[in-house]
Amino acid sequence: MNIVLLEPEIPHNTGAIARTCAATGAALHLIEPLGFKLDEKHVRRAGLDYWDKLNIKRYCNFAEFLVQNDFPKIYMATTKAKQKYSDVLYEADAWIMFGKESGGIPEEILRDHKETAIRVPMLKDIRSLNLANSVAVILYEALRQHEFLNLEVEGDLHQLNW
């Protein structure tokens, strides 16, 4: 799976998303400009000590991202979409993009991806979910559809038996 953040602005959101990507094996793609430096303590703290386990790539802009990744099919997470994220059948290597916290994905990009635009349902008078929460909700649905391939799906209690 591939998580793409277009111009993320809040360091602890990107750190939390990086941690989710590390935990699931998803690659994290960051499209500049970023609203912070990746070495800021808020980003590092939110990602804990998982940064060395993360497949992370940076791009100068959306056009460079498209070219370097051979113009992939991208699911665009946006409050402007008509279809729910759970209505989509994700490929095992799906690309899921999220926009910046203050404005989402620009409409000029969304216009070219109407058929792959997806949304998380919420109450009408709520503007949006937290970016890190949106990534987790959609990424785990995509992983569920592939039976959480390569992920540990059972835990062990330390002192108790089931």
N, C-alpha and C. Protein backbone atom coordinates (compact mmCIF):
# COMPACT_ATOMS: atom_id res chain seq x y z
N MET A 1 0.84 -1.18 0.00
CA MET A 1 0.00 0.00 0.00
C MET A 1 0.88 1.25 0.00
N ASN A 2 0.34 2.31 -0.51
CA ASN A 2 1.05 3.58 -0.61
C ASN A 2 0.17 4.70 -0.09
N ILE A 3 0.66 5.41 0.90
CA ILE A 3 -0.04 6.57 1.43
C ILE A 3 0.69 7.81 0.92
N VAL A 4 -0.07 8.73 0.33
CA VAL A 4 0.49 9.94 -0.25
C VAL A 4 -0.08 11.13 0.49
N LEU A 5 0.80 11.98 1.02
CA LEU A 5 0.37 13.21 1.68
C LEU A 5 0.77 14.39 0.82
N LEU A 6 -0.22 15.15 0.38
CA LEU A 6 0.02 16.33 -0.44
C LEU A 6 0.12 17.55 0.47
N GLU A 7 1.33 18.09 0.57
CA GLU A 7 1.60 19.32 1.32
C GLU A 7 1.09 19.29 2.77
N PRO A 8 1.45 18.26 3.54
CA PRO A 8 1.00 18.21 4.93
C PRO A 8 1.54 19.40 5.72
N GLU A 9 0.75 19.88 6.68
CA GLU A 9 1.10 21.10 7.41
C GLU A 9 1.42 20.88 8.88
N ILE A 10 0.86 19.85 9.49
CA ILE A 10 0.96 19.67 10.94
C ILE A 10 1.92 18.52 11.25
N PRO A 11 3.02 18.83 11.94
CA PRO A 11 4.06 17.80 12.13
C PRO A 11 3.59 16.55 12.87
N HIS A 12 2.79 16.70 13.92
CA HIS A 12 2.43 15.48 14.65
C HIS A 12 1.46 14.60 13.86
N ASN A 13 0.68 15.16 12.94
CA ASN A 13 -0.15 14.32 12.06
C ASN A 13 0.74 13.46 11.17
N THR A 14 1.74 14.08 10.55
CA THR A 14 2.63 13.32 9.67
C THR A 14 3.41 12.28 10.46
N GLY A 15 3.82 12.61 11.68
CA GLY A 15 4.50 11.63 12.53
C GLY A 15 3.61 10.45 12.85
N ALA A 16 2.36 10.71 13.19
CA ALA A 16 1.42 9.62 13.49
C ALA A 16 1.15 8.77 12.25
N ILE A 17 1.04 9.41 11.10
CA ILE A 17 0.83 8.68 9.85
C ILE A 17 2.06 7.84 9.52
N ALA A 18 3.24 8.38 9.74
CA ALA A 18 4.47 7.62 9.52
C ALA A 18 4.48 6.36 10.39
N ARG A 19 4.06 6.51 11.63
CA ARG A 19 4.01 5.35 12.54
C ARG A 19 3.01 4.31 12.03
N THR A 20 1.85 4.74 11.55
CA THR A 20 0.86 3.82 10.99
C THR A 20 1.43 3.12 9.76
N CYS A 21 2.12 3.86 8.91
CA CYS A 21 2.74 3.26 7.73
C CYS A 21 3.80 2.24 8.12
N ALA A 22 4.61 2.57 9.11
CA ALA A 22 5.64 1.63 9.56
C ALA A 22 5.00 0.36 10.12
N ALA A 23 3.90 0.49 10.84
CA ALA A 23 3.23 -0.65 11.45
C ALA A 23 2.55 -1.55 10.43
N THR A 24 2.23 -1.00 9.28
CA THR A 24 1.50 -1.77 8.26
C THR A 24 2.34 -2.13 7.05
N GLY A 25 3.52 -1.58 6.95
CA GLY A 25 4.37 -1.82 5.79
C GLY A 25 4.01 -0.94 4.60
N ALA A 26 3.15 0.04 4.80
CA ALA A 26 2.78 0.94 3.71
C ALA A 26 3.91 1.95 3.47
N ALA A 27 4.13 2.29 2.22
CA ALA A 27 5.11 3.33 1.89
C ALA A 27 4.46 4.68 2.13
N LEU A 28 5.25 5.65 2.57
CA LEU A 28 4.77 7.01 2.79
C LEU A 28 5.42 7.92 1.76
N HIS A 29 4.60 8.63 0.99
CA HIS A 29 5.05 9.56 -0.04
C HIS A 29 4.65 10.96 0.39
N LEU A 30 5.62 11.85 0.49
CA LEU A 30 5.38 13.23 0.92
C LEU A 30 5.63 14.18 -0.23
N ILE A 31 4.60 14.95 -0.58
CA ILE A 31 4.71 15.91 -1.66
C ILE A 31 4.85 17.30 -1.06
N GLU A 32 5.94 17.98 -1.40
CA GLU A 32 6.24 19.30 -0.85
C GLU A 32 5.38 20.38 -1.51
N PRO A 33 5.28 21.52 -0.86
CA PRO A 33 6.02 21.90 0.35
C PRO A 33 5.39 21.30 1.61
N LEU A 34 6.26 20.98 2.57
CA LEU A 34 5.83 20.52 3.87
C LEU A 34 5.74 21.72 4.80
N GLY A 35 4.84 21.68 5.75
CA GLY A 35 4.69 22.79 6.69
C GLY A 35 5.63 22.69 7.87
N PHE A 36 6.67 21.87 7.76
CA PHE A 36 7.59 21.59 8.86
C PHE A 36 8.81 20.89 8.29
N LYS A 37 9.80 20.68 9.13
CA LYS A 37 10.98 19.89 8.74
C LYS A 37 10.81 18.49 9.33
N LEU A 38 11.22 17.48 8.58
CA LEU A 38 11.05 16.10 9.05
C LEU A 38 11.84 15.79 10.31
N ASP A 39 12.85 16.60 10.60
CA ASP A 39 13.63 16.34 11.81
C ASP A 39 13.09 17.10 13.02
N GLU A 40 11.94 17.78 12.89
CA GLU A 40 11.34 18.45 14.05
C GLU A 40 10.96 17.43 15.10
N LYS A 41 11.10 17.83 16.36
CA LYS A 41 10.85 16.88 17.45
C LYS A 41 9.41 16.40 17.47
N HIS A 42 8.44 17.22 17.06
CA HIS A 42 7.04 16.80 17.06
C HIS A 42 6.79 15.68 16.05
N VAL A 43 7.43 15.76 14.91
CA VAL A 43 7.31 14.71 13.90
C VAL A 43 7.98 13.45 14.41
N ARG A 44 9.19 13.59 14.89
CA ARG A 44 9.95 12.42 15.37
C ARG A 44 9.26 11.75 16.55
N ARG A 45 8.76 12.54 17.49
CA ARG A 45 8.11 11.98 18.67
C ARG A 45 6.85 11.21 18.29
N ALA A 46 6.05 11.77 17.39
CA ALA A 46 4.81 11.09 16.98
C ALA A 46 5.11 9.78 16.27
N GLY A 47 6.21 9.72 15.54
CA GLY A 47 6.59 8.51 14.83
C GLY A 47 7.35 7.52 15.69
N LEU A 48 7.66 7.92 16.92
CA LEU A 48 8.44 7.12 17.87
C LEU A 48 9.75 6.66 17.24
N ASP A 49 10.13 5.43 17.54
CA ASP A 49 11.41 4.93 17.04
C ASP A 49 11.24 4.04 15.81
N TYR A 50 10.22 4.34 15.01
CA TYR A 50 9.93 3.52 13.83
C TYR A 50 10.44 4.11 12.53
N TRP A 51 11.12 5.25 12.58
CA TRP A 51 11.53 5.91 11.35
C TRP A 51 12.44 5.05 10.48
N ASP A 52 13.27 4.22 11.10
CA ASP A 52 14.17 3.38 10.32
C ASP A 52 13.44 2.20 9.67
N LYS A 53 12.19 1.96 10.06
CA LYS A 53 11.40 0.88 9.49
C LYS A 53 10.44 1.40 8.41
N LEU A 54 10.54 2.66 8.10
CA LEU A 54 9.61 3.32 7.20
C LEU A 54 10.19 3.49 5.80
N ASN A 55 9.40 3.15 4.80
CA ASN A 55 9.74 3.41 3.40
C ASN A 55 9.14 4.77 3.07
N ILE A 56 9.98 5.80 3.04
CA ILE A 56 9.50 7.18 2.85
C ILE A 56 10.18 7.81 1.65
N LYS A 57 9.38 8.51 0.84
CA LYS A 57 9.89 9.19 -0.35
C LYS A 57 9.33 10.61 -0.38
N ARG A 58 10.13 11.54 -0.87
CA ARG A 58 9.72 12.95 -0.97
C ARG A 58 9.76 13.40 -2.42
N TYR A 59 8.86 14.33 -2.74
CA TYR A 59 8.75 14.87 -4.09
C TYR A 59 8.60 16.38 -4.00
N CYS A 60 9.13 17.09 -4.99
CA CYS A 60 9.05 18.55 -5.01
C CYS A 60 7.64 19.06 -5.27
N ASN A 61 6.86 18.30 -6.04
CA ASN A 61 5.49 18.72 -6.37
C ASN A 61 4.70 17.53 -6.89
N PHE A 62 3.42 17.73 -7.13
CA PHE A 62 2.54 16.65 -7.57
C PHE A 62 2.95 16.12 -8.94
N ALA A 63 3.36 16.99 -9.84
CA ALA A 63 3.78 16.55 -11.18
C ALA A 63 4.97 15.60 -11.09
N GLU A 64 5.96 15.94 -10.25
CA GLU A 64 7.12 15.06 -10.09
C GLU A 64 6.70 13.71 -9.50
N PHE A 65 5.79 13.74 -8.53
CA PHE A 65 5.28 12.50 -7.94
C PHE A 65 4.67 11.61 -9.02
N LEU A 66 3.83 12.20 -9.89
CA LEU A 66 3.18 11.41 -10.94
C LEU A 66 4.20 10.78 -11.88
N VAL A 67 5.17 11.57 -12.33
CA VAL A 67 6.17 11.07 -13.26
C VAL A 67 7.01 9.97 -12.64
N GLN A 68 7.50 10.18 -11.42
CA GLN A 68 8.38 9.20 -10.78
C GLN A 68 7.67 7.88 -10.46
N ASN A 69 6.34 7.92 -10.40
CA ASN A 69 5.60 6.70 -10.07
C ASN A 69 4.74 6.21 -11.24
N ASP A 70 5.11 6.60 -12.46
CA ASP A 70 4.45 6.14 -13.68
C ASP A 70 2.94 6.39 -13.68
N PHE A 71 2.53 7.56 -13.20
CA PHE A 71 1.14 7.98 -13.23
C PHE A 71 0.20 6.90 -12.66
N PRO A 72 0.34 6.60 -11.38
CA PRO A 72 -0.47 5.52 -10.80
C PRO A 72 -1.95 5.90 -10.66
N LYS A 73 -2.78 4.89 -10.55
CA LYS A 73 -4.18 5.11 -10.19
C LYS A 73 -4.19 5.53 -8.73
N ILE A 74 -4.80 6.68 -8.44
CA ILE A 74 -4.75 7.21 -7.08
C ILE A 74 -6.16 7.39 -6.54
N TYR A 75 -6.40 6.84 -5.36
CA TYR A 75 -7.65 7.10 -4.65
C TYR A 75 -7.46 8.41 -3.90
N MET A 76 -8.34 9.35 -4.16
CA MET A 76 -8.23 10.69 -3.58
C MET A 76 -9.20 10.82 -2.41
N ALA A 77 -8.68 10.90 -1.20
CA ALA A 77 -9.52 11.04 -0.01
C ALA A 77 -9.93 12.51 0.13
N THR A 78 -11.23 12.76 0.06
CA THR A 78 -11.72 14.13 0.08
C THR A 78 -13.16 14.18 0.58
N THR A 79 -13.51 15.25 1.24
CA THR A 79 -14.89 15.43 1.68
C THR A 79 -15.80 15.75 0.50
N LYS A 80 -15.23 16.00 -0.67
CA LYS A 80 -16.02 16.35 -1.85
C LYS A 80 -16.45 15.14 -2.69
N ALA A 81 -16.03 13.94 -2.29
CA ALA A 81 -16.33 12.73 -3.06
C ALA A 81 -17.77 12.27 -2.87
N LYS A 82 -18.27 11.55 -3.85
CA LYS A 82 -19.61 10.97 -3.76
C LYS A 82 -19.57 9.53 -3.24
N GLN A 83 -18.48 8.80 -3.48
CA GLN A 83 -18.44 7.41 -3.02
C GLN A 83 -17.68 7.28 -1.71
N LYS A 84 -18.14 6.32 -0.90
CA LYS A 84 -17.50 6.06 0.39
C LYS A 84 -16.23 5.24 0.19
N TYR A 85 -15.28 5.41 1.10
CA TYR A 85 -14.02 4.66 1.04
C TYR A 85 -14.26 3.17 1.10
N SER A 86 -15.35 2.74 1.73
CA SER A 86 -15.65 1.31 1.87
C SER A 86 -16.33 0.73 0.64
N ASP A 87 -16.67 1.57 -0.35
CA ASP A 87 -17.27 1.10 -1.60
C ASP A 87 -16.23 0.67 -2.63
N VAL A 88 -14.98 0.96 -2.36
CA VAL A 88 -13.89 0.74 -3.31
C VAL A 88 -13.23 -0.61 -3.05
N LEU A 89 -12.83 -1.28 -4.13
CA LEU A 89 -12.00 -2.49 -4.02
C LEU A 89 -10.57 -2.07 -4.32
N TYR A 90 -9.76 -2.01 -3.28
CA TYR A 90 -8.38 -1.52 -3.40
C TYR A 90 -7.46 -2.60 -3.93
N GLU A 91 -6.54 -2.20 -4.79
CA GLU A 91 -5.49 -3.11 -5.24
C GLU A 91 -4.52 -3.35 -4.07
N ALA A 92 -3.78 -4.43 -4.13
CA ALA A 92 -2.83 -4.75 -3.05
C ALA A 92 -1.75 -3.69 -2.91
N ASP A 93 -1.47 -2.97 -3.98
CA ASP A 93 -0.47 -1.90 -3.94
C ASP A 93 -1.12 -0.54 -4.19
N ALA A 94 -2.33 -0.35 -3.67
CA ALA A 94 -3.11 0.86 -3.92
C ALA A 94 -2.36 2.12 -3.49
N TRP A 95 -2.67 3.21 -4.18
CA TRP A 95 -2.15 4.54 -3.87
C TRP A 95 -3.32 5.34 -3.33
N ILE A 96 -3.21 5.85 -2.11
CA ILE A 96 -4.28 6.61 -1.47
C ILE A 96 -3.70 7.96 -1.05
N MET A 97 -4.28 9.03 -1.59
CA MET A 97 -3.74 10.37 -1.35
C MET A 97 -4.66 11.19 -0.46
N PHE A 98 -4.02 11.99 0.40
CA PHE A 98 -4.71 12.88 1.33
C PHE A 98 -4.11 14.27 1.17
N GLY A 99 -4.96 15.30 1.25
CA GLY A 99 -4.50 16.67 1.09
C GLY A 99 -4.10 17.30 2.41
N LYS A 100 -3.65 18.53 2.31
CA LYS A 100 -3.20 19.25 3.50
C LYS A 100 -4.37 19.53 4.44
N GLU A 101 -4.04 19.68 5.70
CA GLU A 101 -5.05 19.81 6.74
C GLU A 101 -5.97 21.01 6.54
N SER A 102 -5.45 22.11 6.06
CA SER A 102 -6.25 23.33 5.96
C SER A 102 -7.15 23.41 4.72
N GLY A 103 -6.88 22.58 3.71
CA GLY A 103 -7.66 22.74 2.49
C GLY A 103 -7.90 21.47 1.70
N GLY A 104 -7.34 20.36 2.11
CA GLY A 104 -7.53 19.12 1.38
C GLY A 104 -6.79 19.10 0.05
N ILE A 105 -7.28 18.27 -0.85
CA ILE A 105 -6.70 18.16 -2.19
C ILE A 105 -7.34 19.23 -3.07
N PRO A 106 -6.55 20.03 -3.78
CA PRO A 106 -7.11 21.08 -4.63
C PRO A 106 -8.08 20.52 -5.68
N GLU A 107 -9.10 21.30 -5.99
CA GLU A 107 -10.12 20.86 -6.94
C GLU A 107 -9.56 20.61 -8.33
N GLU A 108 -8.50 21.35 -8.72
CA GLU A 108 -7.94 21.11 -10.05
C GLU A 108 -7.32 19.71 -10.16
N ILE A 109 -6.88 19.15 -9.06
CA ILE A 109 -6.39 17.76 -9.05
C ILE A 109 -7.58 16.81 -8.97
N LEU A 110 -8.53 17.10 -8.12
CA LEU A 110 -9.70 16.23 -7.97
C LEU A 110 -10.48 16.07 -9.27
N ARG A 111 -10.55 17.12 -10.08
CA ARG A 111 -11.30 17.05 -11.34
C ARG A 111 -10.80 15.92 -12.24
N ASP A 112 -9.49 15.65 -12.18
CA ASP A 112 -8.92 14.58 -13.00
C ASP A 112 -9.02 13.20 -12.37
N HIS A 113 -9.58 13.13 -11.15
CA HIS A 113 -9.65 11.86 -10.42
C HIS A 113 -11.04 11.65 -9.80
N LYS A 114 -12.08 12.15 -10.47
CA LYS A 114 -13.44 12.05 -9.91
C LYS A 114 -13.85 10.61 -9.63
N GLU A 115 -13.50 9.70 -10.53
CA GLU A 115 -13.94 8.31 -10.37
C GLU A 115 -13.22 7.57 -9.25
N THR A 116 -12.10 8.10 -8.78
CA THR A 116 -11.38 7.46 -7.68
C THR A 116 -11.38 8.31 -6.41
N ALA A 117 -12.24 9.32 -6.38
CA ALA A 117 -12.37 10.13 -5.16
C ALA A 117 -13.22 9.38 -4.15
N ILE A 118 -12.76 9.37 -2.90
CA ILE A 118 -13.45 8.63 -1.84
C ILE A 118 -13.60 9.52 -0.61
N ARG A 119 -14.57 9.18 0.23
CA ARG A 119 -14.81 9.97 1.44
C ARG A 119 -15.11 9.06 2.62
N VAL A 120 -14.85 9.58 3.80
CA VAL A 120 -15.25 8.94 5.05
C VAL A 120 -16.55 9.63 5.47
N PRO A 121 -17.64 8.90 5.62
CA PRO A 121 -18.90 9.53 6.02
C PRO A 121 -18.81 10.19 7.40
N MET A 122 -19.49 11.32 7.54
CA MET A 122 -19.56 12.02 8.82
C MET A 122 -20.78 12.92 8.82
N LEU A 123 -21.09 13.49 9.94
CA LEU A 123 -22.23 14.39 10.04
C LEU A 123 -22.06 15.58 9.11
N LYS A 124 -23.18 16.11 8.64
CA LYS A 124 -23.18 17.18 7.63
C LYS A 124 -22.46 18.45 8.09
N ASP A 125 -22.61 18.83 9.34
CA ASP A 125 -22.04 20.10 9.78
C ASP A 125 -20.62 19.98 10.32
N ILE A 126 -19.98 18.84 10.12
CA ILE A 126 -18.58 18.64 10.52
C ILE A 126 -17.71 18.79 9.27
N ARG A 127 -16.71 19.64 9.33
CA ARG A 127 -15.89 19.95 8.15
C ARG A 127 -15.02 18.76 7.72
N SER A 128 -14.33 18.13 8.68
CA SER A 128 -13.45 17.03 8.30
C SER A 128 -12.97 16.29 9.54
N LEU A 129 -12.38 15.12 9.31
CA LEU A 129 -11.73 14.35 10.36
C LEU A 129 -10.26 14.77 10.45
N ASN A 130 -9.62 14.42 11.54
CA ASN A 130 -8.18 14.60 11.67
C ASN A 130 -7.49 13.78 10.58
N LEU A 131 -6.45 14.34 9.98
CA LEU A 131 -5.75 13.69 8.87
C LEU A 131 -5.22 12.31 9.25
N ALA A 132 -4.57 12.19 10.39
CA ALA A 132 -4.02 10.89 10.79
C ALA A 132 -5.12 9.86 10.99
N ASN A 133 -6.26 10.29 11.52
CA ASN A 133 -7.39 9.36 11.70
C ASN A 133 -7.94 8.92 10.35
N SER A 134 -8.06 9.84 9.42
CA SER A 134 -8.57 9.49 8.08
C SER A 134 -7.66 8.48 7.40
N VAL A 135 -6.36 8.70 7.50
CA VAL A 135 -5.41 7.75 6.91
C VAL A 135 -5.59 6.37 7.52
N ALA A 136 -5.69 6.30 8.84
CA ALA A 136 -5.83 5.00 9.51
C ALA A 136 -7.12 4.29 9.10
N VAL A 137 -8.22 5.01 9.06
CA VAL A 137 -9.51 4.41 8.70
C VAL A 137 -9.44 3.81 7.29
N ILE A 138 -8.98 4.58 6.34
CA ILE A 138 -8.98 4.13 4.94
C ILE A 138 -7.91 3.07 4.70
N LEU A 139 -6.71 3.26 5.24
CA LEU A 139 -5.65 2.28 5.05
C LEU A 139 -6.05 0.92 5.62
N TYR A 140 -6.62 0.90 6.80
CA TYR A 140 -7.00 -0.39 7.39
C TYR A 140 -8.14 -1.06 6.64
N GLU A 141 -9.02 -0.29 6.02
CA GLU A 141 -10.04 -0.91 5.15
C GLU A 141 -9.38 -1.56 3.96
N ALA A 142 -8.44 -0.87 3.34
CA ALA A 142 -7.73 -1.45 2.20
C ALA A 142 -6.97 -2.71 2.62
N LEU A 143 -6.33 -2.68 3.76
CA LEU A 143 -5.61 -3.86 4.26
C LEU A 143 -6.57 -5.00 4.61
N ARG A 144 -7.72 -4.67 5.19
CA ARG A 144 -8.72 -5.69 5.53
C ARG A 144 -9.16 -6.43 4.28
N GLN A 145 -9.34 -5.69 3.18
CA GLN A 145 -9.77 -6.31 1.94
C GLN A 145 -8.76 -7.33 1.43
N HIS A 146 -7.53 -7.20 1.85
CA HIS A 146 -6.48 -8.15 1.45
C HIS A 146 -6.09 -9.05 2.62
N GLU A 147 -7.04 -9.22 3.55
CA GLU A 147 -6.89 -10.11 4.71
C GLU A 147 -5.64 -9.81 5.52
N PHE A 148 -5.27 -8.52 5.59
CA PHE A 148 -4.13 -8.07 6.39
C PHE A 148 -2.86 -8.86 6.05
N LEU A 149 -2.67 -9.09 4.76
CA LEU A 149 -1.53 -9.85 4.26
C LEU A 149 -0.22 -9.35 4.87
N ASN A 150 0.58 -10.26 5.38
CA ASN A 150 1.89 -10.01 5.98
C ASN A 150 1.83 -9.29 7.33
N LEU A 151 0.64 -9.07 7.88
CA LEU A 151 0.52 -8.42 9.19
C LEU A 151 0.19 -9.46 10.25
N GLU A 152 0.68 -9.23 11.43
CA GLU A 152 0.35 -10.11 12.55
C GLU A 152 -1.10 -9.87 12.93
N VAL A 153 -1.90 -10.92 12.93
CA VAL A 153 -3.33 -10.75 13.18
C VAL A 153 -3.78 -11.35 14.51
N GLU A 154 -2.88 -11.98 15.22
CA GLU A 154 -3.22 -12.54 16.53
C GLU A 154 -2.20 -12.08 17.55
N GLY A 155 -2.68 -11.77 18.74
CA GLY A 155 -1.79 -11.37 19.82
C GLY A 155 -1.72 -12.42 20.89
N ASP A 156 -0.85 -12.22 21.84
CA ASP A 156 -0.67 -13.13 22.95
C ASP A 156 -0.70 -12.35 24.25
N LEU A 157 -1.53 -12.77 25.16
CA LEU A 157 -1.50 -12.16 26.49
C LEU A 157 -0.26 -12.64 27.21
N HIS A 158 0.34 -11.78 27.97
CA HIS A 158 1.60 -12.15 28.63
C HIS A 158 1.40 -13.15 29.76
N GLN A 159 0.37 -12.98 30.56
CA GLN A 159 0.19 -13.84 31.72
C GLN A 159 -1.10 -14.64 31.70
N LEU A 160 -1.97 -14.36 30.79
CA LEU A 160 -3.26 -15.03 30.73
C LEU A 160 -3.37 -15.88 29.47
N ASN A 161 -4.21 -16.87 29.52
CA ASN A 161 -4.46 -17.69 28.36
C ASN A 161 -5.90 -17.49 27.91
N TRP A 162 -6.12 -17.55 26.61
CA TRP A 162 -7.49 -17.38 26.09
C TRP A 162 -8.28 -18.65 26.31
